[in-house]
């Protein structure tokens, strides 16, 4: 009720985010848009919360919306201003899709990211990350869904990758960087099966920069 009383007049949905802890939720990349727009988001970090929200679906005639869902009504472009042309954006997204292949549902330009280069979002009508984790706890053989990777075209890392791609599409740094960005996103969500591989690649980057 307190959230509803503070809602903006034009706001039609109650926004929420789920995570393993309050600290993890506060650092979630998908929160950047809502923080920038001054939109209130409910923080939910008990394991049962995600299941409960999927069952409740609405409150006081207003639907409940996970901020990590791919489709959010009325979302304005909040991402960092990009210097890339439409062709350069297309080339980079195609490279991401080719490299990641069947591991992702889609790779798209982000409207919600401000400070982060990439983030994962839930597929349409798909399962949330927290729900997937709960299912895996009950069944070790449970396979999670493929998610969408959103790319912030205005982020310096992404713009640097585009510049390298335009000069040399076979540069080995490109594939390593895409893998690192994807695994960083998995790590944030707690979905990375082998976190040590991120450290190994990061050390490789440091060696190449020395």
N, C-alpha and C. Protein backbone atom coordinates (compact mmCIF):
# COMPACT_ATOMS: atom_id res chain seq x y z
N UNK A 1 0.81 -1.22 0.00
CA UNK A 1 0.00 0.00 0.00
C UNK A 1 0.85 1.28 0.00
N UNK A 2 1.97 1.25 0.73
CA UNK A 2 2.84 2.44 0.77
C UNK A 2 3.44 2.71 -0.61
N UNK A 3 3.83 1.67 -1.30
CA UNK A 3 4.38 1.83 -2.66
C UNK A 3 3.34 2.46 -3.57
N UNK A 4 2.12 1.94 -3.53
CA UNK A 4 1.05 2.43 -4.41
C UNK A 4 0.77 3.90 -4.14
N UNK A 5 0.79 4.29 -2.89
CA UNK A 5 0.53 5.70 -2.55
C UNK A 5 1.60 6.62 -3.12
N UNK A 6 2.81 6.11 -3.30
CA UNK A 6 3.91 6.95 -3.80
C UNK A 6 4.10 6.85 -5.31
N UNK A 7 3.31 6.02 -5.97
CA UNK A 7 3.47 5.84 -7.41
C UNK A 7 3.18 7.12 -8.18
N UNK A 8 3.89 7.29 -9.28
CA UNK A 8 3.61 8.43 -10.16
C UNK A 8 2.25 8.24 -10.83
N UNK A 9 1.66 9.35 -11.21
CA UNK A 9 0.33 9.30 -11.82
C UNK A 9 0.32 8.47 -13.10
N UNK A 10 1.40 8.59 -13.88
CA UNK A 10 1.45 7.87 -15.15
C UNK A 10 1.94 6.42 -15.01
N UNK A 11 2.38 6.05 -13.82
CA UNK A 11 2.94 4.70 -13.61
C UNK A 11 1.84 3.67 -13.50
N UNK A 12 1.91 2.63 -14.32
CA UNK A 12 0.86 1.62 -14.36
C UNK A 12 1.26 0.31 -13.68
N UNK A 13 2.55 0.10 -13.42
CA UNK A 13 3.02 -1.16 -12.88
C UNK A 13 3.81 -0.96 -11.58
N UNK A 14 3.82 -1.98 -10.75
CA UNK A 14 4.62 -1.98 -9.54
C UNK A 14 5.91 -2.72 -9.86
N UNK A 15 7.03 -2.04 -9.78
CA UNK A 15 8.32 -2.62 -10.16
C UNK A 15 8.99 -3.29 -8.96
N UNK A 16 9.60 -4.43 -9.23
CA UNK A 16 10.34 -5.12 -8.16
C UNK A 16 11.57 -5.80 -8.75
N UNK A 17 12.52 -6.11 -7.88
CA UNK A 17 13.73 -6.83 -8.27
C UNK A 17 14.01 -7.89 -7.21
N UNK A 18 14.46 -9.06 -7.66
CA UNK A 18 14.78 -10.14 -6.73
C UNK A 18 16.27 -10.43 -6.77
N UNK A 19 16.80 -10.93 -5.67
CA UNK A 19 18.23 -11.24 -5.60
C UNK A 19 18.56 -12.00 -4.33
N UNK A 20 19.83 -12.36 -4.20
CA UNK A 20 20.26 -13.15 -3.06
C UNK A 20 20.40 -12.36 -1.78
N UNK A 21 20.59 -11.06 -1.89
CA UNK A 21 20.74 -10.21 -0.70
C UNK A 21 20.43 -8.77 -1.09
N UNK A 22 20.26 -7.93 -0.08
CA UNK A 22 19.98 -6.52 -0.35
C UNK A 22 21.17 -5.87 -1.08
N UNK A 23 22.39 -6.20 -0.68
CA UNK A 23 23.57 -5.64 -1.33
C UNK A 23 23.64 -6.05 -2.80
N UNK A 24 23.35 -7.32 -3.09
CA UNK A 24 23.37 -7.80 -4.47
C UNK A 24 22.33 -7.09 -5.31
N UNK A 25 21.16 -6.89 -4.73
CA UNK A 25 20.07 -6.21 -5.45
C UNK A 25 20.45 -4.76 -5.76
N UNK A 26 21.05 -4.07 -4.80
CA UNK A 26 21.40 -2.67 -4.99
C UNK A 26 22.44 -2.46 -6.09
N UNK A 27 23.26 -3.49 -6.33
CA UNK A 27 24.32 -3.39 -7.34
C UNK A 27 23.90 -3.96 -8.69
N UNK A 28 22.65 -4.39 -8.81
CA UNK A 28 22.21 -5.03 -10.04
C UNK A 28 22.16 -4.02 -11.21
N UNK A 29 22.78 -4.35 -12.35
CA UNK A 29 22.80 -3.42 -13.48
C UNK A 29 21.42 -2.99 -13.96
N UNK A 30 20.45 -3.91 -13.90
CA UNK A 30 19.11 -3.57 -14.42
C UNK A 30 18.37 -2.55 -13.57
N UNK A 31 18.94 -2.22 -12.42
CA UNK A 31 18.35 -1.19 -11.56
C UNK A 31 18.74 0.22 -12.01
N UNK A 32 19.76 0.32 -12.86
CA UNK A 32 20.31 1.63 -13.24
C UNK A 32 19.27 2.54 -13.88
N UNK A 33 18.46 1.99 -14.75
CA UNK A 33 17.42 2.79 -15.42
C UNK A 33 16.45 3.39 -14.41
N UNK A 34 15.97 2.56 -13.50
CA UNK A 34 14.94 2.99 -12.56
C UNK A 34 15.50 3.98 -11.55
N UNK A 35 16.76 3.79 -11.17
CA UNK A 35 17.41 4.75 -10.29
C UNK A 35 17.54 6.10 -11.00
N UNK A 36 17.93 6.07 -12.26
CA UNK A 36 18.08 7.30 -13.04
C UNK A 36 16.78 8.03 -13.26
N UNK A 37 15.68 7.27 -13.37
CA UNK A 37 14.36 7.87 -13.59
C UNK A 37 13.65 8.22 -12.29
N UNK A 38 14.26 7.84 -11.17
CA UNK A 38 13.64 8.12 -9.88
C UNK A 38 12.39 7.27 -9.63
N UNK A 39 12.35 6.07 -10.22
CA UNK A 39 11.22 5.17 -10.05
C UNK A 39 11.49 4.20 -8.91
N UNK A 40 10.53 4.08 -8.01
CA UNK A 40 10.71 3.21 -6.85
C UNK A 40 10.61 1.75 -7.25
N UNK A 41 11.49 0.92 -6.68
CA UNK A 41 11.53 -0.51 -6.96
C UNK A 41 11.53 -1.27 -5.63
N UNK A 42 10.68 -2.27 -5.52
CA UNK A 42 10.65 -3.11 -4.32
C UNK A 42 11.83 -4.08 -4.35
N UNK A 43 12.57 -4.16 -3.26
CA UNK A 43 13.69 -5.10 -3.14
C UNK A 43 13.20 -6.37 -2.46
N UNK A 44 13.35 -7.49 -3.14
CA UNK A 44 12.93 -8.79 -2.60
C UNK A 44 14.12 -9.74 -2.63
N UNK A 45 14.52 -10.24 -1.47
CA UNK A 45 15.70 -11.10 -1.45
C UNK A 45 15.54 -12.35 -0.59
N UNK A 46 14.30 -12.73 -0.27
CA UNK A 46 14.04 -14.04 0.32
C UNK A 46 13.76 -15.03 -0.80
N UNK A 47 14.17 -16.28 -0.64
CA UNK A 47 14.04 -17.25 -1.72
C UNK A 47 12.60 -17.43 -2.17
N UNK A 48 11.66 -17.35 -1.25
CA UNK A 48 10.26 -17.59 -1.59
C UNK A 48 9.63 -16.41 -2.34
N UNK A 49 10.26 -15.23 -2.29
CA UNK A 49 9.66 -14.01 -2.85
C UNK A 49 9.33 -14.14 -4.33
N UNK A 50 10.27 -14.68 -5.11
CA UNK A 50 10.06 -14.75 -6.55
C UNK A 50 8.88 -15.64 -6.89
N UNK A 51 8.78 -16.77 -6.21
CA UNK A 51 7.65 -17.68 -6.40
C UNK A 51 6.35 -16.98 -6.02
N UNK A 52 6.37 -16.26 -4.91
CA UNK A 52 5.18 -15.56 -4.43
C UNK A 52 4.71 -14.51 -5.44
N UNK A 53 5.66 -13.74 -6.00
CA UNK A 53 5.30 -12.68 -6.94
C UNK A 53 4.72 -13.26 -8.23
N UNK A 54 5.22 -14.43 -8.62
CA UNK A 54 4.70 -15.08 -9.83
C UNK A 54 3.26 -15.53 -9.62
N UNK A 55 2.91 -15.85 -8.37
CA UNK A 55 1.56 -16.30 -8.07
C UNK A 55 0.61 -15.11 -7.85
N UNK A 56 1.10 -14.06 -7.19
CA UNK A 56 0.24 -12.91 -6.88
C UNK A 56 -0.09 -12.13 -8.14
N UNK A 57 0.92 -11.81 -8.94
CA UNK A 57 0.78 -11.17 -10.26
C UNK A 57 0.33 -9.71 -10.21
N UNK A 58 -0.55 -9.32 -9.29
CA UNK A 58 -0.97 -7.93 -9.23
C UNK A 58 -1.39 -7.55 -7.82
N UNK A 59 -1.44 -6.24 -7.58
CA UNK A 59 -1.87 -5.72 -6.29
C UNK A 59 -2.63 -4.43 -6.53
N UNK A 60 -3.78 -4.31 -5.94
CA UNK A 60 -4.60 -3.10 -6.04
C UNK A 60 -4.86 -2.74 -7.51
N UNK A 61 -5.06 -3.77 -8.33
CA UNK A 61 -5.36 -3.55 -9.74
C UNK A 61 -4.16 -3.20 -10.60
N UNK A 62 -2.96 -3.23 -10.02
CA UNK A 62 -1.74 -2.90 -10.76
C UNK A 62 -0.86 -4.14 -10.87
N UNK A 63 -0.38 -4.42 -12.07
CA UNK A 63 0.43 -5.62 -12.28
C UNK A 63 1.81 -5.44 -11.67
N UNK A 64 2.40 -6.56 -11.23
CA UNK A 64 3.74 -6.57 -10.67
C UNK A 64 4.73 -6.88 -11.79
N UNK A 65 5.80 -6.10 -11.88
CA UNK A 65 6.73 -6.23 -12.99
C UNK A 65 8.15 -6.37 -12.50
N UNK A 66 8.80 -7.47 -12.88
CA UNK A 66 10.21 -7.69 -12.57
C UNK A 66 11.05 -6.79 -13.47
N UNK A 67 11.95 -6.00 -12.89
CA UNK A 67 12.73 -5.06 -13.70
C UNK A 67 13.73 -5.75 -14.62
N UNK A 68 13.92 -7.06 -14.45
CA UNK A 68 14.82 -7.81 -15.33
C UNK A 68 14.08 -8.46 -16.49
N UNK A 69 12.77 -8.22 -16.61
CA UNK A 69 12.04 -8.72 -17.78
C UNK A 69 12.48 -7.96 -19.02
N UNK A 70 12.52 -8.65 -20.14
CA UNK A 70 13.00 -8.03 -21.38
C UNK A 70 12.09 -6.89 -21.83
N UNK A 71 10.79 -7.09 -21.70
CA UNK A 71 9.84 -6.09 -22.17
C UNK A 71 9.23 -5.34 -20.99
N UNK A 72 9.48 -4.03 -20.95
CA UNK A 72 8.89 -3.18 -19.91
C UNK A 72 8.21 -2.00 -20.61
N UNK A 73 6.93 -1.88 -20.38
CA UNK A 73 6.12 -0.87 -21.07
C UNK A 73 6.58 0.55 -20.73
N UNK A 74 6.72 1.37 -21.77
CA UNK A 74 7.02 2.78 -21.57
C UNK A 74 8.44 3.10 -21.20
N UNK A 75 9.36 2.15 -21.35
CA UNK A 75 10.75 2.41 -20.98
C UNK A 75 11.42 3.33 -22.00
N UNK A 76 11.86 4.49 -21.54
CA UNK A 76 12.57 5.42 -22.41
C UNK A 76 14.04 5.03 -22.45
N UNK A 77 14.73 5.48 -23.49
CA UNK A 77 16.15 5.14 -23.64
C UNK A 77 16.97 5.93 -22.62
N UNK A 78 17.54 5.19 -21.66
CA UNK A 78 18.31 5.80 -20.57
C UNK A 78 19.80 5.51 -20.71
N UNK A 79 20.17 4.71 -21.72
CA UNK A 79 21.56 4.27 -21.85
C UNK A 79 22.48 5.42 -22.18
N UNK A 80 23.77 5.20 -21.96
CA UNK A 80 24.77 6.23 -22.24
C UNK A 80 24.76 6.59 -23.72
N UNK A 81 25.01 7.84 -24.04
CA UNK A 81 25.01 8.28 -25.43
C UNK A 81 26.12 7.57 -26.20
N UNK A 82 25.74 7.01 -27.34
CA UNK A 82 26.69 6.24 -28.14
C UNK A 82 27.19 7.04 -29.34
N UNK A 83 28.47 6.87 -29.64
CA UNK A 83 29.08 7.50 -30.81
C UNK A 83 29.05 6.57 -32.02
N UNK A 84 28.52 5.38 -31.84
CA UNK A 84 28.54 4.39 -32.91
C UNK A 84 27.41 4.63 -33.91
N UNK A 85 27.69 4.36 -35.16
CA UNK A 85 26.67 4.44 -36.20
C UNK A 85 25.78 3.21 -36.10
N UNK A 86 24.63 3.25 -36.79
CA UNK A 86 23.73 2.11 -36.77
C UNK A 86 24.41 0.87 -37.37
N UNK A 87 25.23 1.08 -38.38
CA UNK A 87 25.95 -0.03 -39.00
C UNK A 87 26.97 -0.64 -38.03
N UNK A 88 27.68 0.22 -37.30
CA UNK A 88 28.65 -0.27 -36.32
C UNK A 88 27.96 -1.03 -35.20
N UNK A 89 26.81 -0.54 -34.76
CA UNK A 89 26.05 -1.24 -33.73
C UNK A 89 25.62 -2.62 -34.23
N UNK A 90 25.12 -2.66 -35.44
CA UNK A 90 24.66 -3.92 -36.03
C UNK A 90 25.80 -4.92 -36.15
N UNK A 91 26.97 -4.44 -36.59
CA UNK A 91 28.14 -5.32 -36.72
C UNK A 91 28.53 -5.92 -35.37
N UNK A 92 28.51 -5.08 -34.34
CA UNK A 92 28.93 -5.54 -33.01
C UNK A 92 27.93 -6.53 -32.43
N UNK A 93 26.64 -6.24 -32.56
CA UNK A 93 25.62 -7.15 -32.05
C UNK A 93 25.69 -8.50 -32.77
N UNK A 94 25.94 -8.46 -34.07
CA UNK A 94 26.08 -9.69 -34.84
C UNK A 94 27.27 -10.50 -34.35
N UNK A 95 28.37 -9.81 -34.03
CA UNK A 95 29.56 -10.50 -33.52
C UNK A 95 29.24 -11.17 -32.18
N UNK A 96 28.56 -10.46 -31.29
CA UNK A 96 28.16 -11.02 -30.00
C UNK A 96 27.31 -12.28 -30.22
N UNK A 97 26.31 -12.17 -31.10
CA UNK A 97 25.40 -13.29 -31.35
C UNK A 97 26.15 -14.49 -31.91
N UNK A 98 27.07 -14.24 -32.83
CA UNK A 98 27.83 -15.33 -33.44
C UNK A 98 28.71 -16.03 -32.40
N UNK A 99 29.35 -15.23 -31.55
CA UNK A 99 30.25 -15.79 -30.54
C UNK A 99 29.50 -16.56 -29.46
N UNK A 100 28.36 -16.04 -29.01
CA UNK A 100 27.63 -16.67 -27.92
C UNK A 100 26.69 -17.78 -28.39
N UNK A 101 26.27 -17.71 -29.64
CA UNK A 101 25.48 -18.77 -30.25
C UNK A 101 24.23 -19.13 -29.47
N UNK A 102 24.07 -20.44 -29.21
CA UNK A 102 22.86 -20.95 -28.58
C UNK A 102 22.81 -20.71 -27.07
N UNK A 103 23.83 -20.09 -26.53
CA UNK A 103 23.83 -19.85 -25.09
C UNK A 103 22.89 -18.72 -24.69
N UNK A 104 22.51 -17.88 -25.64
CA UNK A 104 21.60 -16.77 -25.35
C UNK A 104 20.39 -16.82 -26.28
N UNK A 105 19.29 -16.26 -25.81
CA UNK A 105 18.09 -16.17 -26.63
C UNK A 105 18.26 -15.10 -27.71
N UNK A 106 18.84 -13.96 -27.30
CA UNK A 106 19.06 -12.86 -28.23
C UNK A 106 20.09 -11.90 -27.64
N UNK A 107 20.69 -11.09 -28.50
CA UNK A 107 21.59 -10.00 -28.07
C UNK A 107 21.02 -8.73 -28.66
N UNK A 108 20.78 -7.73 -27.82
CA UNK A 108 20.12 -6.51 -28.29
C UNK A 108 20.73 -5.28 -27.63
N UNK A 109 20.52 -4.14 -28.27
CA UNK A 109 20.96 -2.87 -27.70
C UNK A 109 20.09 -2.54 -26.49
N UNK A 110 20.73 -2.08 -25.41
CA UNK A 110 20.02 -1.81 -24.17
C UNK A 110 19.51 -0.37 -24.10
N UNK A 111 18.35 -0.22 -23.49
CA UNK A 111 17.82 1.10 -23.16
C UNK A 111 17.93 1.38 -21.67
N UNK A 112 18.20 0.31 -20.88
CA UNK A 112 18.13 0.46 -19.42
C UNK A 112 19.48 0.66 -18.75
N UNK A 113 20.57 0.28 -19.41
CA UNK A 113 21.88 0.36 -18.77
C UNK A 113 22.49 1.75 -18.87
N UNK A 114 23.08 2.19 -17.77
CA UNK A 114 23.71 3.51 -17.72
C UNK A 114 25.21 3.38 -17.47
N UNK A 115 25.59 2.64 -16.44
CA UNK A 115 27.00 2.52 -16.04
C UNK A 115 27.62 1.17 -16.39
N UNK A 116 26.81 0.18 -16.70
CA UNK A 116 27.30 -1.17 -16.97
C UNK A 116 27.34 -1.45 -18.46
N UNK A 117 28.29 -2.26 -18.92
CA UNK A 117 28.38 -2.56 -20.35
C UNK A 117 27.34 -3.56 -20.83
N UNK A 118 26.97 -4.53 -19.97
CA UNK A 118 26.04 -5.59 -20.37
C UNK A 118 25.22 -6.06 -19.18
N UNK A 119 24.10 -6.69 -19.48
CA UNK A 119 23.31 -7.36 -18.44
C UNK A 119 22.42 -8.40 -19.08
N UNK A 120 21.98 -9.36 -18.27
CA UNK A 120 21.06 -10.38 -18.74
C UNK A 120 19.64 -9.98 -18.37
N UNK A 121 18.70 -10.30 -19.26
CA UNK A 121 17.28 -10.06 -18.96
C UNK A 121 16.50 -11.34 -19.22
N UNK A 122 15.35 -11.46 -18.56
CA UNK A 122 14.53 -12.65 -18.68
C UNK A 122 13.85 -12.70 -20.04
N UNK A 123 13.77 -13.87 -20.66
CA UNK A 123 13.04 -13.99 -21.93
C UNK A 123 11.56 -13.72 -21.71
N UNK A 124 10.85 -13.36 -22.76
CA UNK A 124 9.42 -13.06 -22.66
C UNK A 124 8.67 -14.28 -22.13
N UNK A 125 7.88 -14.05 -21.08
CA UNK A 125 7.11 -15.11 -20.44
C UNK A 125 8.01 -16.21 -19.87
N UNK A 126 9.28 -15.87 -19.65
CA UNK A 126 10.24 -16.85 -19.17
C UNK A 126 10.41 -16.82 -17.66
N UNK A 127 11.25 -17.70 -17.19
CA UNK A 127 11.51 -17.86 -15.76
C UNK A 127 12.55 -16.85 -15.29
N UNK A 128 12.36 -16.31 -14.11
CA UNK A 128 13.32 -15.38 -13.55
C UNK A 128 14.54 -16.14 -13.04
N UNK A 129 15.62 -15.40 -12.79
CA UNK A 129 16.85 -16.01 -12.30
C UNK A 129 16.64 -16.68 -10.95
N UNK A 130 15.97 -16.00 -10.03
CA UNK A 130 15.77 -16.56 -8.70
C UNK A 130 14.92 -17.82 -8.74
N UNK A 131 13.92 -17.84 -9.63
CA UNK A 131 13.09 -19.03 -9.78
C UNK A 131 13.91 -20.19 -10.33
N UNK A 132 14.79 -19.87 -11.28
CA UNK A 132 15.66 -20.90 -11.86
C UNK A 132 16.57 -21.50 -10.79
N UNK A 133 17.13 -20.65 -9.94
CA UNK A 133 18.00 -21.14 -8.87
C UNK A 133 17.23 -22.07 -7.93
N UNK A 134 15.98 -21.70 -7.62
CA UNK A 134 15.18 -22.51 -6.72
C UNK A 134 14.87 -23.87 -7.35
N UNK A 135 14.60 -23.87 -8.65
CA UNK A 135 14.33 -25.13 -9.35
C UNK A 135 15.57 -26.03 -9.36
N UNK A 136 16.74 -25.43 -9.53
CA UNK A 136 17.98 -26.20 -9.54
C UNK A 136 18.29 -26.79 -8.17
N UNK A 137 17.87 -26.09 -7.11
CA UNK A 137 18.06 -26.62 -5.76
C UNK A 137 17.22 -27.87 -5.55
N UNK A 138 16.05 -27.91 -6.17
CA UNK A 138 15.15 -29.05 -6.03
C UNK A 138 15.49 -30.18 -6.99
N UNK A 139 16.10 -29.82 -8.13
CA UNK A 139 16.43 -30.81 -9.15
C UNK A 139 17.75 -30.44 -9.80
N UNK A 140 18.82 -31.16 -9.48
CA UNK A 140 20.15 -30.84 -9.99
C UNK A 140 20.24 -30.96 -11.51
N UNK A 141 19.35 -31.73 -12.10
CA UNK A 141 19.37 -31.93 -13.55
C UNK A 141 18.55 -30.87 -14.30
N UNK A 142 17.93 -29.96 -13.54
CA UNK A 142 17.09 -28.94 -14.17
C UNK A 142 17.95 -28.00 -15.02
N UNK A 143 17.52 -27.77 -16.25
CA UNK A 143 18.24 -26.88 -17.17
C UNK A 143 17.51 -25.54 -17.24
N UNK A 144 18.26 -24.48 -17.01
CA UNK A 144 17.68 -23.15 -17.04
C UNK A 144 17.40 -22.67 -18.46
N UNK A 145 16.71 -21.56 -18.55
CA UNK A 145 16.35 -20.99 -19.85
C UNK A 145 17.47 -20.13 -20.40
N UNK A 146 17.49 -19.99 -21.70
CA UNK A 146 18.40 -19.04 -22.34
C UNK A 146 17.86 -17.63 -22.09
N UNK A 147 18.77 -16.70 -21.84
CA UNK A 147 18.37 -15.33 -21.54
C UNK A 147 18.87 -14.36 -22.60
N UNK A 148 18.33 -13.18 -22.58
CA UNK A 148 18.76 -12.13 -23.50
C UNK A 148 19.94 -11.38 -22.90
N UNK A 149 20.90 -11.04 -23.73
CA UNK A 149 22.01 -10.19 -23.29
C UNK A 149 21.80 -8.80 -23.86
N UNK A 150 21.72 -7.81 -22.98
CA UNK A 150 21.59 -6.42 -23.42
C UNK A 150 22.96 -5.74 -23.37
N UNK A 151 23.25 -4.95 -24.41
CA UNK A 151 24.55 -4.31 -24.55
C UNK A 151 24.38 -2.79 -24.56
N UNK A 152 25.13 -2.12 -23.69
CA UNK A 152 25.10 -0.66 -23.59
C UNK A 152 26.06 -0.07 -24.62
N UNK A 153 25.52 0.40 -25.74
CA UNK A 153 26.34 0.88 -26.85
C UNK A 153 27.11 2.17 -26.53
N UNK A 154 26.76 2.82 -25.43
CA UNK A 154 27.46 4.03 -25.06
C UNK A 154 28.60 3.80 -24.08
N UNK A 155 28.76 2.58 -23.62
CA UNK A 155 29.81 2.28 -22.63
C UNK A 155 31.17 2.27 -23.31
N UNK A 156 32.21 2.83 -22.65
CA UNK A 156 33.56 2.88 -23.26
C UNK A 156 34.09 1.51 -23.69
N UNK A 157 33.84 0.47 -22.90
CA UNK A 157 34.31 -0.87 -23.27
C UNK A 157 33.69 -1.31 -24.59
N UNK A 158 32.41 -1.10 -24.72
CA UNK A 158 31.69 -1.53 -25.93
C UNK A 158 32.15 -0.72 -27.13
N UNK A 159 32.37 0.58 -26.94
CA UNK A 159 32.82 1.41 -28.06
C UNK A 159 34.25 1.04 -28.48
N UNK A 160 35.07 0.66 -27.52
CA UNK A 160 36.42 0.20 -27.85
C UNK A 160 36.38 -1.10 -28.64
N UNK A 161 35.49 -2.00 -28.25
CA UNK A 161 35.35 -3.27 -28.97
C UNK A 161 34.90 -3.03 -30.40
N UNK A 162 33.99 -2.08 -30.58
CA UNK A 162 33.52 -1.75 -31.92
C UNK A 162 34.65 -1.22 -32.79
N UNK A 163 35.49 -0.40 -32.21
CA UNK A 163 36.62 0.16 -32.96
C UNK A 163 37.58 -0.96 -33.40
N UNK A 164 37.85 -1.90 -32.51
CA UNK A 164 38.72 -3.04 -32.86
C UNK A 164 38.07 -3.88 -33.94
N UNK A 165 36.76 -4.12 -33.80
CA UNK A 165 36.03 -4.94 -34.77
C UNK A 165 36.08 -4.35 -36.17
N UNK A 166 35.97 -3.02 -36.26
CA UNK A 166 35.99 -2.37 -37.57
C UNK A 166 37.38 -2.46 -38.23
N UNK A 167 38.41 -2.55 -37.40
CA UNK A 167 39.78 -2.63 -37.93
C UNK A 167 40.20 -4.07 -38.26
N UNK A 168 39.79 -5.01 -37.39
CA UNK A 168 40.24 -6.39 -37.55
C UNK A 168 39.22 -7.33 -36.93
N UNK A 169 38.35 -7.90 -37.76
CA UNK A 169 37.27 -8.76 -37.27
C UNK A 169 37.77 -10.07 -36.69
N UNK A 170 39.02 -10.41 -36.92
CA UNK A 170 39.58 -11.67 -36.40
C UNK A 170 40.52 -11.46 -35.22
N UNK A 171 40.54 -10.25 -34.70
CA UNK A 171 41.41 -9.97 -33.56
C UNK A 171 41.00 -10.86 -32.38
N UNK A 172 41.94 -11.62 -31.80
CA UNK A 172 41.61 -12.56 -30.70
C UNK A 172 41.03 -11.89 -29.47
N UNK A 173 41.35 -10.62 -29.26
CA UNK A 173 40.85 -9.90 -28.09
C UNK A 173 39.32 -9.79 -28.11
N UNK A 174 38.73 -9.78 -29.31
CA UNK A 174 37.29 -9.61 -29.44
C UNK A 174 36.53 -10.78 -28.82
N UNK A 175 36.91 -11.99 -29.21
CA UNK A 175 36.22 -13.17 -28.68
C UNK A 175 36.39 -13.29 -27.17
N UNK A 176 37.60 -13.06 -26.69
CA UNK A 176 37.85 -13.14 -25.25
C UNK A 176 37.02 -12.10 -24.49
N UNK A 177 36.89 -10.92 -25.07
CA UNK A 177 36.14 -9.85 -24.41
C UNK A 177 34.65 -10.16 -24.34
N UNK A 178 34.10 -10.68 -25.43
CA UNK A 178 32.69 -11.06 -25.44
C UNK A 178 32.41 -12.14 -24.40
N UNK A 179 33.31 -13.13 -24.34
CA UNK A 179 33.15 -14.20 -23.35
C UNK A 179 33.22 -13.64 -21.93
N UNK A 180 34.15 -12.72 -21.71
CA UNK A 180 34.30 -12.13 -20.38
C UNK A 180 33.06 -11.32 -19.99
N UNK A 181 32.55 -10.53 -20.91
CA UNK A 181 31.37 -9.73 -20.62
C UNK A 181 30.15 -10.60 -20.33
N UNK A 182 30.01 -11.66 -21.10
CA UNK A 182 28.89 -12.58 -20.90
C UNK A 182 29.00 -13.29 -19.54
N UNK A 183 30.20 -13.76 -19.23
CA UNK A 183 30.39 -14.46 -17.96
C UNK A 183 30.31 -13.51 -16.77
N UNK A 184 30.71 -12.26 -16.96
CA UNK A 184 30.50 -11.26 -15.91
C UNK A 184 29.01 -11.12 -15.59
N UNK A 185 28.20 -11.12 -16.64
CA UNK A 185 26.75 -10.99 -16.46
C UNK A 185 26.17 -12.22 -15.76
N UNK A 186 26.68 -13.40 -16.12
CA UNK A 186 26.26 -14.63 -15.44
C UNK A 186 26.67 -14.60 -13.97
N UNK A 187 27.87 -14.10 -13.71
CA UNK A 187 28.39 -14.04 -12.34
C UNK A 187 27.53 -13.14 -11.47
N UNK A 188 27.13 -12.00 -12.01
CA UNK A 188 26.28 -11.07 -11.27
C UNK A 188 24.97 -11.73 -10.87
N UNK A 189 24.44 -12.57 -11.76
CA UNK A 189 23.16 -13.24 -11.50
C UNK A 189 23.33 -14.50 -10.66
N UNK A 190 24.59 -14.91 -10.41
CA UNK A 190 24.82 -16.14 -9.67
C UNK A 190 24.57 -17.38 -10.50
N UNK A 191 24.70 -17.27 -11.83
CA UNK A 191 24.42 -18.38 -12.73
C UNK A 191 25.67 -18.98 -13.35
N UNK A 192 26.84 -18.48 -12.97
CA UNK A 192 28.08 -18.99 -13.56
C UNK A 192 28.51 -20.26 -12.84
N UNK A 193 28.57 -21.35 -13.59
CA UNK A 193 28.89 -22.65 -12.99
C UNK A 193 30.34 -22.73 -12.50
N UNK A 194 31.25 -22.09 -13.22
CA UNK A 194 32.67 -22.18 -12.87
C UNK A 194 33.28 -20.77 -12.80
N UNK A 195 33.12 -20.08 -11.67
CA UNK A 195 33.63 -18.71 -11.54
C UNK A 195 35.14 -18.58 -11.75
N UNK A 196 35.89 -19.65 -11.54
CA UNK A 196 37.35 -19.58 -11.67
C UNK A 196 37.78 -19.26 -13.09
N UNK A 197 36.95 -19.59 -14.09
CA UNK A 197 37.33 -19.32 -15.47
C UNK A 197 37.34 -17.82 -15.76
N UNK A 198 36.53 -17.06 -15.03
CA UNK A 198 36.53 -15.60 -15.19
C UNK A 198 37.86 -15.05 -14.72
N UNK A 199 38.34 -15.54 -13.59
CA UNK A 199 39.62 -15.08 -13.04
C UNK A 199 40.76 -15.41 -13.99
N UNK A 200 40.73 -16.59 -14.56
CA UNK A 200 41.79 -17.02 -15.48
C UNK A 200 41.87 -16.10 -16.70
N UNK A 201 40.73 -15.77 -17.26
CA UNK A 201 40.73 -14.89 -18.44
C UNK A 201 41.12 -13.47 -18.07
N UNK A 202 40.70 -13.02 -16.89
CA UNK A 202 41.05 -11.68 -16.43
C UNK A 202 42.56 -11.55 -16.27
N UNK A 203 43.19 -12.58 -15.73
CA UNK A 203 44.64 -12.57 -15.59
C UNK A 203 45.32 -12.53 -16.95
N UNK A 204 44.72 -13.19 -17.93
CA UNK A 204 45.23 -13.18 -19.30
C UNK A 204 45.19 -11.76 -19.86
N UNK A 205 44.10 -11.05 -19.60
CA UNK A 205 43.99 -9.67 -20.05
C UNK A 205 45.08 -8.80 -19.43
N UNK A 206 45.33 -9.00 -18.14
CA UNK A 206 46.35 -8.20 -17.45
C UNK A 206 47.74 -8.49 -18.02
N UNK A 207 48.01 -9.74 -18.36
CA UNK A 207 49.30 -10.10 -18.93
C UNK A 207 49.50 -9.45 -20.29
N UNK A 208 48.44 -9.41 -21.10
CA UNK A 208 48.54 -8.83 -22.43
C UNK A 208 48.70 -7.31 -22.38
N UNK A 209 48.26 -6.70 -21.27
CA UNK A 209 48.36 -5.24 -21.15
C UNK A 209 49.70 -4.79 -20.60
N UNK A 210 50.47 -5.72 -20.07
CA UNK A 210 51.74 -5.36 -19.45
C UNK A 210 52.84 -5.16 -20.50
